[in-house]
N, C-alpha and C. Protein backbone atom coordinates (compact mmCIF):
# COMPACT_ATOMS: atom_id res chain seq x y z
N MET A 1 0.85 -1.17 0.00
CA MET A 1 0.00 0.00 0.00
C MET A 1 0.90 1.24 0.00
N PRO A 2 0.66 2.17 -0.92
CA PRO A 2 1.51 3.37 -0.98
C PRO A 2 1.28 4.30 0.20
N ALA A 3 2.31 5.07 0.52
CA ALA A 3 2.20 6.10 1.54
C ALA A 3 1.47 7.29 0.94
N ASN A 4 0.78 8.06 1.77
CA ASN A 4 0.08 9.25 1.33
C ASN A 4 0.83 10.48 1.82
N TYR A 5 1.08 11.43 0.90
CA TYR A 5 1.76 12.67 1.25
C TYR A 5 1.16 13.79 0.42
N ASP A 6 0.50 14.74 1.10
CA ASP A 6 -0.11 15.87 0.41
C ASP A 6 0.88 17.03 0.35
N ILE A 7 0.94 17.70 -0.78
CA ILE A 7 1.93 18.75 -1.06
C ILE A 7 1.20 20.06 -1.33
N THR A 8 1.77 21.16 -0.82
CA THR A 8 1.30 22.50 -1.16
C THR A 8 2.47 23.28 -1.74
N ASN A 9 2.23 23.91 -2.88
CA ASN A 9 3.27 24.68 -3.55
C ASN A 9 2.71 26.03 -3.96
N HIS A 10 3.57 27.03 -4.06
CA HIS A 10 3.16 28.34 -4.55
C HIS A 10 3.54 28.46 -6.02
N GLN A 11 2.62 28.95 -6.81
CA GLN A 11 2.81 29.08 -8.25
C GLN A 11 4.09 29.87 -8.54
N GLY A 12 4.92 29.33 -9.41
CA GLY A 12 6.17 29.98 -9.78
C GLY A 12 7.35 29.61 -8.90
N ASP A 13 7.12 28.83 -7.83
CA ASP A 13 8.22 28.39 -6.97
C ASP A 13 8.75 27.04 -7.45
N THR A 14 10.04 26.84 -7.27
CA THR A 14 10.63 25.52 -7.51
C THR A 14 10.24 24.63 -6.35
N TYR A 15 9.84 23.40 -6.65
CA TYR A 15 9.46 22.44 -5.61
C TYR A 15 10.36 21.21 -5.72
N SER A 16 10.86 20.76 -4.57
CA SER A 16 11.65 19.51 -4.53
C SER A 16 11.13 18.61 -3.43
N LEU A 17 10.98 17.36 -3.76
CA LEU A 17 10.58 16.32 -2.82
C LEU A 17 11.70 15.30 -2.79
N VAL A 18 12.27 15.06 -1.61
CA VAL A 18 13.36 14.10 -1.46
C VAL A 18 12.91 13.03 -0.48
N PHE A 19 13.03 11.77 -0.88
CA PHE A 19 12.70 10.66 0.02
C PHE A 19 13.54 9.44 -0.35
N SER A 20 13.64 8.51 0.58
CA SER A 20 14.46 7.31 0.38
C SER A 20 13.63 6.05 0.52
N LEU A 21 14.03 5.02 -0.22
CA LEU A 21 13.43 3.70 -0.11
C LEU A 21 14.56 2.72 0.21
N PRO A 22 14.30 1.75 1.09
CA PRO A 22 15.36 0.91 1.66
C PRO A 22 15.84 -0.25 0.79
N THR A 23 16.27 0.04 -0.42
CA THR A 23 16.84 -0.99 -1.30
C THR A 23 17.44 -0.28 -2.51
N ASN A 24 18.22 -0.99 -3.30
CA ASN A 24 18.80 -0.40 -4.50
C ASN A 24 17.78 -0.45 -5.63
N LEU A 25 17.22 0.70 -5.95
CA LEU A 25 16.20 0.81 -6.99
C LEU A 25 16.66 1.69 -8.15
N THR A 26 17.97 1.89 -8.28
CA THR A 26 18.46 2.79 -9.33
C THR A 26 18.21 2.23 -10.74
N ALA A 27 17.99 0.93 -10.86
CA ALA A 27 17.70 0.35 -12.18
C ALA A 27 16.22 0.47 -12.54
N ALA A 28 15.39 0.86 -11.58
CA ALA A 28 13.95 1.02 -11.83
C ALA A 28 13.70 2.34 -12.57
N THR A 29 12.59 2.39 -13.30
CA THR A 29 12.20 3.58 -14.03
C THR A 29 11.16 4.35 -13.21
N PRO A 30 11.50 5.58 -12.76
CA PRO A 30 10.55 6.36 -11.95
C PRO A 30 9.61 7.17 -12.83
N ARG A 31 8.41 7.42 -12.29
CA ARG A 31 7.43 8.25 -12.97
C ARG A 31 6.50 8.87 -11.93
N MET A 32 6.17 10.14 -12.14
CA MET A 32 5.20 10.83 -11.29
C MET A 32 4.42 11.78 -12.19
N ASP A 33 3.10 11.65 -12.20
CA ASP A 33 2.24 12.50 -13.01
C ASP A 33 1.35 13.35 -12.11
N LEU A 34 1.18 14.62 -12.45
CA LEU A 34 0.17 15.46 -11.83
C LEU A 34 -1.02 15.47 -12.78
N VAL A 35 -2.21 15.14 -12.25
CA VAL A 35 -3.43 15.09 -13.06
C VAL A 35 -4.53 15.88 -12.35
N THR A 36 -5.52 16.32 -13.10
CA THR A 36 -6.64 17.06 -12.50
C THR A 36 -7.74 16.14 -12.01
N ALA A 37 -7.77 14.90 -12.49
CA ALA A 37 -8.77 13.91 -12.06
C ALA A 37 -8.24 12.53 -12.37
N TYR A 38 -8.69 11.53 -11.62
CA TYR A 38 -8.27 10.17 -11.89
C TYR A 38 -8.67 9.79 -13.32
N GLY A 39 -7.75 9.23 -14.06
CA GLY A 39 -7.99 8.83 -15.44
C GLY A 39 -7.73 9.93 -16.46
N ALA A 40 -7.48 11.16 -15.99
CA ALA A 40 -7.20 12.28 -16.92
C ALA A 40 -5.77 12.20 -17.42
N ALA A 41 -5.53 12.82 -18.56
CA ALA A 41 -4.17 12.90 -19.09
C ALA A 41 -3.31 13.71 -18.14
N ALA A 42 -2.02 13.40 -18.11
CA ALA A 42 -1.10 14.09 -17.21
C ALA A 42 -0.97 15.56 -17.58
N THR A 43 -1.19 16.42 -16.59
CA THR A 43 -0.96 17.86 -16.76
C THR A 43 0.53 18.12 -16.74
N LEU A 44 1.23 17.41 -15.84
CA LEU A 44 2.68 17.53 -15.73
C LEU A 44 3.27 16.15 -15.49
N PRO A 45 3.81 15.51 -16.53
CA PRO A 45 4.47 14.22 -16.35
C PRO A 45 5.94 14.42 -15.96
N LEU A 46 6.39 13.70 -14.96
CA LEU A 46 7.79 13.75 -14.54
C LEU A 46 8.36 12.34 -14.63
N THR A 47 9.60 12.24 -15.14
CA THR A 47 10.24 10.94 -15.30
C THR A 47 11.71 11.05 -14.92
N GLY A 48 12.40 9.93 -14.99
CA GLY A 48 13.84 9.92 -14.77
C GLY A 48 14.57 10.40 -16.02
N SER A 49 15.86 10.31 -16.03
CA SER A 49 16.69 10.69 -17.18
C SER A 49 16.43 12.10 -17.67
N GLY A 50 16.49 13.07 -16.76
CA GLY A 50 16.33 14.46 -17.13
C GLY A 50 14.90 14.96 -17.14
N GLY A 51 13.95 14.13 -16.75
CA GLY A 51 12.54 14.52 -16.77
C GLY A 51 12.01 14.99 -15.43
N GLY A 52 12.89 15.34 -14.50
CA GLY A 52 12.45 15.89 -13.22
C GLY A 52 12.66 14.96 -12.04
N ILE A 53 13.07 13.71 -12.27
CA ILE A 53 13.31 12.77 -11.17
C ILE A 53 14.72 12.22 -11.28
N THR A 54 15.48 12.33 -10.21
CA THR A 54 16.81 11.73 -10.15
C THR A 54 16.85 10.74 -8.99
N SER A 55 17.78 9.81 -9.07
CA SER A 55 17.94 8.83 -7.98
C SER A 55 19.42 8.54 -7.78
N SER A 56 19.74 8.18 -6.55
CA SER A 56 21.11 7.76 -6.23
C SER A 56 21.04 6.71 -5.14
N TYR A 57 21.99 5.79 -5.18
CA TYR A 57 22.02 4.70 -4.20
C TYR A 57 23.25 4.83 -3.33
N THR A 58 23.03 4.92 -2.04
CA THR A 58 24.08 4.82 -1.04
C THR A 58 23.57 3.82 -0.03
N ALA A 59 24.18 2.64 0.00
CA ALA A 59 23.68 1.54 0.83
C ALA A 59 23.28 2.05 2.21
N PRO A 60 22.12 1.67 2.69
CA PRO A 60 21.19 0.68 2.14
C PRO A 60 20.00 1.28 1.40
N ASP A 61 20.02 2.60 1.10
CA ASP A 61 18.84 3.26 0.56
C ASP A 61 19.07 3.86 -0.83
N THR A 62 17.97 3.93 -1.61
CA THR A 62 17.95 4.71 -2.82
C THR A 62 17.22 6.00 -2.51
N THR A 63 17.86 7.13 -2.81
CA THR A 63 17.25 8.43 -2.57
C THR A 63 16.74 8.99 -3.89
N PHE A 64 15.48 9.41 -3.88
CA PHE A 64 14.84 10.00 -5.05
C PHE A 64 14.62 11.48 -4.81
N THR A 65 14.87 12.28 -5.83
CA THR A 65 14.57 13.71 -5.78
C THR A 65 13.65 14.04 -6.94
N VAL A 66 12.46 14.51 -6.62
CA VAL A 66 11.49 14.93 -7.62
C VAL A 66 11.52 16.46 -7.63
N THR A 67 11.77 17.04 -8.80
CA THR A 67 11.86 18.50 -8.89
C THR A 67 10.87 19.03 -9.92
N ILE A 68 10.09 20.00 -9.49
CA ILE A 68 9.22 20.75 -10.38
C ILE A 68 9.84 22.13 -10.48
N SER A 69 10.27 22.51 -11.67
CA SER A 69 10.97 23.78 -11.85
C SER A 69 10.03 24.97 -11.66
N ALA A 70 10.60 26.14 -11.48
CA ALA A 70 9.81 27.36 -11.35
C ALA A 70 8.97 27.60 -12.61
N VAL A 71 9.53 27.30 -13.77
CA VAL A 71 8.81 27.47 -15.04
C VAL A 71 7.62 26.50 -15.11
N GLN A 72 7.84 25.24 -14.73
CA GLN A 72 6.74 24.27 -14.72
C GLN A 72 5.67 24.66 -13.72
N SER A 73 6.09 25.10 -12.55
CA SER A 73 5.16 25.51 -11.50
C SER A 73 4.33 26.72 -11.93
N ALA A 74 4.97 27.66 -12.61
CA ALA A 74 4.25 28.85 -13.08
C ALA A 74 3.17 28.49 -14.10
N ALA A 75 3.38 27.39 -14.83
CA ALA A 75 2.42 26.97 -15.85
C ALA A 75 1.23 26.21 -15.26
N LEU A 76 1.33 25.76 -14.00
CA LEU A 76 0.21 25.07 -13.37
C LEU A 76 -0.84 26.10 -12.95
N VAL A 77 -2.09 25.71 -12.96
CA VAL A 77 -3.19 26.62 -12.67
C VAL A 77 -3.31 26.84 -11.16
N ALA A 78 -3.20 28.11 -10.76
CA ALA A 78 -3.32 28.45 -9.34
C ALA A 78 -4.73 28.12 -8.84
N GLY A 79 -4.79 27.66 -7.59
CA GLY A 79 -6.06 27.29 -7.00
C GLY A 79 -6.51 25.88 -7.33
N THR A 80 -5.72 25.17 -8.10
CA THR A 80 -6.06 23.81 -8.50
C THR A 80 -5.44 22.80 -7.55
N ILE A 81 -6.20 21.78 -7.22
CA ILE A 81 -5.68 20.66 -6.45
C ILE A 81 -5.49 19.50 -7.43
N TYR A 82 -4.23 19.18 -7.71
CA TYR A 82 -3.90 18.08 -8.61
C TYR A 82 -3.76 16.79 -7.79
N LEU A 83 -3.87 15.68 -8.45
CA LEU A 83 -3.61 14.37 -7.87
C LEU A 83 -2.30 13.86 -8.43
N TYR A 84 -1.57 13.07 -7.65
CA TYR A 84 -0.33 12.51 -8.17
C TYR A 84 -0.09 11.13 -7.56
N ASP A 85 0.75 10.38 -8.23
CA ASP A 85 1.34 9.19 -7.62
C ASP A 85 2.76 9.04 -8.15
N PHE A 86 3.59 8.45 -7.33
CA PHE A 86 4.99 8.18 -7.68
C PHE A 86 5.11 6.67 -7.84
N GLN A 87 5.54 6.25 -9.04
CA GLN A 87 5.65 4.82 -9.35
C GLN A 87 7.04 4.48 -9.84
N LEU A 88 7.42 3.24 -9.58
CA LEU A 88 8.65 2.68 -10.12
C LEU A 88 8.31 1.44 -10.92
N THR A 89 8.94 1.30 -12.08
CA THR A 89 8.80 0.09 -12.88
C THR A 89 10.13 -0.63 -12.88
N ALA A 90 10.14 -1.86 -12.42
CA ALA A 90 11.35 -2.69 -12.39
C ALA A 90 11.00 -4.08 -12.90
N SER A 91 11.71 -4.54 -13.91
CA SER A 91 11.49 -5.86 -14.51
C SER A 91 10.03 -6.04 -14.91
N GLY A 92 9.41 -4.98 -15.44
CA GLY A 92 8.04 -5.06 -15.92
C GLY A 92 6.98 -4.94 -14.84
N VAL A 93 7.39 -4.83 -13.57
CA VAL A 93 6.44 -4.72 -12.46
C VAL A 93 6.34 -3.25 -12.05
N VAL A 94 5.11 -2.72 -12.04
CA VAL A 94 4.87 -1.34 -11.63
C VAL A 94 4.40 -1.33 -10.18
N THR A 95 5.06 -0.50 -9.36
CA THR A 95 4.69 -0.38 -7.95
C THR A 95 4.53 1.09 -7.61
N THR A 96 3.40 1.42 -6.99
CA THR A 96 3.15 2.79 -6.54
C THR A 96 3.64 2.90 -5.10
N TYR A 97 4.52 3.88 -4.85
CA TYR A 97 5.11 4.06 -3.53
C TYR A 97 4.53 5.26 -2.78
N LEU A 98 4.06 6.26 -3.52
CA LEU A 98 3.62 7.50 -2.90
C LEU A 98 2.45 8.06 -3.69
N THR A 99 1.45 8.58 -2.99
CA THR A 99 0.28 9.16 -3.64
C THR A 99 -0.24 10.31 -2.79
N GLY A 100 -0.97 11.22 -3.41
CA GLY A 100 -1.54 12.33 -2.64
C GLY A 100 -2.05 13.43 -3.53
N THR A 101 -2.20 14.61 -2.92
CA THR A 101 -2.63 15.79 -3.66
C THR A 101 -1.48 16.78 -3.76
N PHE A 102 -1.52 17.59 -4.79
CA PHE A 102 -0.56 18.66 -5.02
C PHE A 102 -1.38 19.93 -5.20
N THR A 103 -1.42 20.76 -4.16
CA THR A 103 -2.21 21.98 -4.20
C THR A 103 -1.34 23.13 -4.70
N GLN A 104 -1.80 23.77 -5.74
CA GLN A 104 -1.06 24.88 -6.35
C GLN A 104 -1.69 26.19 -5.90
N ASN A 105 -1.04 26.88 -4.96
CA ASN A 105 -1.52 28.17 -4.47
C ASN A 105 -1.07 29.30 -5.38
N PRO A 106 -1.87 30.37 -5.47
CA PRO A 106 -1.45 31.51 -6.28
C PRO A 106 -0.32 32.26 -5.60
N GLN A 107 0.45 32.96 -6.40
CA GLN A 107 1.53 33.77 -5.83
C GLN A 107 1.10 35.23 -5.78
N ALA A 108 1.58 35.94 -4.78
CA ALA A 108 1.27 37.36 -4.65
C ALA A 108 2.33 38.20 -5.37
N THR A 109 3.56 37.71 -5.39
CA THR A 109 4.67 38.43 -6.01
C THR A 109 4.83 37.94 -7.44
N VAL A 110 4.76 38.84 -8.38
CA VAL A 110 4.85 38.45 -9.78
C VAL A 110 6.13 38.97 -10.38
């Protein structure tokens, strides 16, 4: 069962989420999509290999960093609550590790 973690971000801010999983998962393919509703197309797809997700292994954990750039954040609609999940695919098996909401607050400073 995936862990639940709700996120709040301000429009135009860079957002980083760093977490570790207790095994070497650097060969797995990471993916995290922000969507407006279950089953909807991804508003913001994030992947490994330069797509916003990096990973590194230092025994005994793999550390993942998910980054939403300031430019990507500015393009998200303020006041919207997006849904997301973080998944890894390894040897054809997809596992969801993290799920929750991503609330995009408006910014006052432009």
